[in-house]
Amino acid sequence: MPVELSHDMIRKFEEISGIAPIEVQASEEQAYSLGKAGRDVEMAIIRLNETSPGSSERDECLWDASDAVWRYFIQREACGVRDHRQAIRFYGIPGEVLARLGGTRPRKSGAAR
């Protein structure tokens, strides 16, 4: 539950820390978003690993994982992290997912344009 701070408390915080409370709040939001994106990657990789190679379900899971990883990498870059090798190892992101990053899912046959 958020705590409302008085103007005096905010001013005192800024004097002591040298950091504006809005910066702290922005950092909290960035951390939350990065954590959520990481959990999304983790779940997408788990679902991918549960599918059979060559199945249509696996192809869909590959695209889902690629989308999740793409969003995660963008969030990391927004936080100033440019090297994704550690994340690739940590989450066990397969090369077939990385190869689809930034790609577009093929249209299903008969789908409207």
Protein backbone atom coordinates (compact mmCIF):
# COMPACT_ATOMS: atom_id res chain seq x y z
CA MET A 1 0.00 0.00 0.00
CA PRO A 2 1.55 3.33 -1.03
CA VAL A 3 2.47 5.77 1.69
CA GLU A 4 1.77 9.46 1.16
CA LEU A 5 4.64 11.66 2.20
CA SER A 6 4.30 15.23 3.37
CA HIS A 7 6.16 17.96 1.49
CA ASP A 8 8.51 18.31 4.48
CA MET A 9 9.35 14.60 4.37
CA ILE A 10 9.96 14.74 0.61
CA ARG A 11 12.24 17.77 0.96
CA LYS A 12 14.14 16.09 3.82
CA PHE A 13 14.56 12.91 1.74
CA GLU A 14 15.98 14.91 -1.16
CA GLU A 15 18.39 16.75 1.15
CA ILE A 16 19.68 13.54 2.75
CA SER A 17 19.85 11.29 -0.30
CA GLY A 18 20.32 13.73 -3.15
CA ILE A 19 17.69 11.74 -5.04
CA ALA A 20 14.27 13.06 -5.93
CA PRO A 21 11.44 10.74 -4.83
CA ILE A 22 10.13 10.66 -8.40
CA GLU A 23 13.46 9.10 -9.45
CA VAL A 24 13.02 6.41 -6.80
CA GLN A 25 9.50 5.73 -7.99
CA ALA A 26 10.65 5.54 -11.63
CA SER A 27 13.38 3.07 -10.65
CA GLU A 28 10.83 0.94 -8.81
CA GLU A 29 8.62 0.87 -11.90
CA GLN A 30 11.57 -0.09 -14.11
CA ALA A 31 12.53 -2.90 -11.73
CA TYR A 32 8.96 -4.21 -11.61
CA SER A 33 8.65 -4.13 -15.42
CA LEU A 34 11.98 -5.88 -15.88
CA GLY A 35 11.03 -8.56 -13.35
CA LYS A 36 7.68 -9.18 -15.04
CA ALA A 37 9.32 -9.40 -18.46
CA GLY A 38 11.81 -11.92 -17.05
CA ARG A 39 9.00 -14.05 -15.62
CA ASP A 40 7.25 -13.92 -19.00
CA VAL A 41 10.44 -15.22 -20.67
CA GLU A 42 10.75 -17.97 -18.09
CA MET A 43 7.17 -19.15 -18.62
CA ALA A 44 7.47 -18.98 -22.42
CA ILE A 45 10.65 -21.09 -22.36
CA ILE A 46 9.00 -23.64 -20.04
CA ARG A 47 6.03 -23.95 -22.42
CA LEU A 48 8.40 -24.25 -25.38
CA ASN A 49 10.37 -27.03 -23.68
CA GLU A 50 7.14 -28.96 -23.08
CA THR A 51 6.34 -29.17 -26.82
CA SER A 52 7.45 -31.77 -29.35
CA PRO A 53 9.96 -30.73 -32.02
CA GLY A 54 8.34 -30.19 -35.41
CA SER A 55 4.79 -29.79 -34.09
CA SER A 56 2.62 -26.82 -35.03
CA GLU A 57 2.24 -26.14 -31.30
CA ARG A 58 6.02 -25.84 -30.99
CA ASP A 59 6.16 -23.33 -33.83
CA GLU A 60 3.56 -21.19 -32.04
CA CYS A 61 5.50 -21.52 -28.76
CA LEU A 62 8.71 -20.48 -30.57
CA TRP A 63 7.02 -17.28 -31.72
CA ASP A 64 5.54 -16.67 -28.24
CA ALA A 65 8.98 -17.15 -26.66
CA SER A 66 10.57 -14.88 -29.27
CA ASP A 67 8.02 -12.15 -28.49
CA ALA A 68 8.64 -12.50 -24.73
CA VAL A 69 12.43 -12.39 -25.18
CA TRP A 70 12.15 -9.38 -27.50
CA ARG A 71 10.11 -7.46 -24.90
CA TYR A 72 12.56 -8.50 -22.16
CA PHE A 73 15.59 -7.36 -24.15
CA ILE A 74 13.94 -4.00 -24.88
CA GLN A 75 13.19 -3.56 -21.17
CA ARG A 76 16.80 -4.43 -20.29
CA GLU A 77 18.06 -1.89 -22.82
CA ALA A 78 15.74 0.75 -21.36
CA CYS A 79 17.51 0.07 -18.04
CA GLY A 80 20.90 0.55 -19.70
CA VAL A 81 21.85 -3.14 -20.06
CA ARG A 82 23.05 -3.82 -23.60
CA ASP A 83 24.78 -7.22 -23.28
CA HIS A 84 22.20 -10.01 -23.24
CA ARG A 85 24.57 -13.00 -23.14
CA GLN A 86 24.12 -13.56 -19.41
CA ALA A 87 20.31 -13.48 -19.73
CA ILE A 88 20.46 -15.91 -22.66
CA ARG A 89 22.45 -18.36 -20.52
CA PHE A 90 20.36 -17.77 -17.37
CA TYR A 91 17.02 -18.46 -19.08
CA GLY A 92 18.43 -21.07 -21.46
CA ILE A 93 17.07 -19.22 -24.48
CA PRO A 94 17.53 -21.50 -27.50
CA GLY A 95 19.05 -20.28 -30.74
CA GLU A 96 15.84 -21.00 -32.63
CA VAL A 97 14.11 -18.40 -30.42
CA LEU A 98 16.92 -15.87 -30.85
CA ALA A 99 16.78 -16.35 -34.63
CA ARG A 100 13.17 -15.12 -34.61
CA LEU A 101 13.76 -11.96 -32.57
CA GLY A 102 12.18 -8.99 -34.27
CA GLY A 103 10.60 -11.21 -36.89
CA THR A 104 6.98 -11.36 -37.93
CA ARG A 105 4.84 -14.44 -37.47
CA PRO A 106 3.80 -15.98 -40.76
CA ARG A 107 0.15 -15.46 -41.57
CA LYS A 108 -2.06 -18.47 -41.27
CA SER A 109 -3.32 -19.66 -44.63
CA GLY A 110 -6.71 -18.16 -45.40
CA ALA A 111 -6.24 -15.33 -42.91
CA ALA A 112 -7.59 -11.93 -43.91
CA ARG A 113 -5.03 -9.24 -44.70
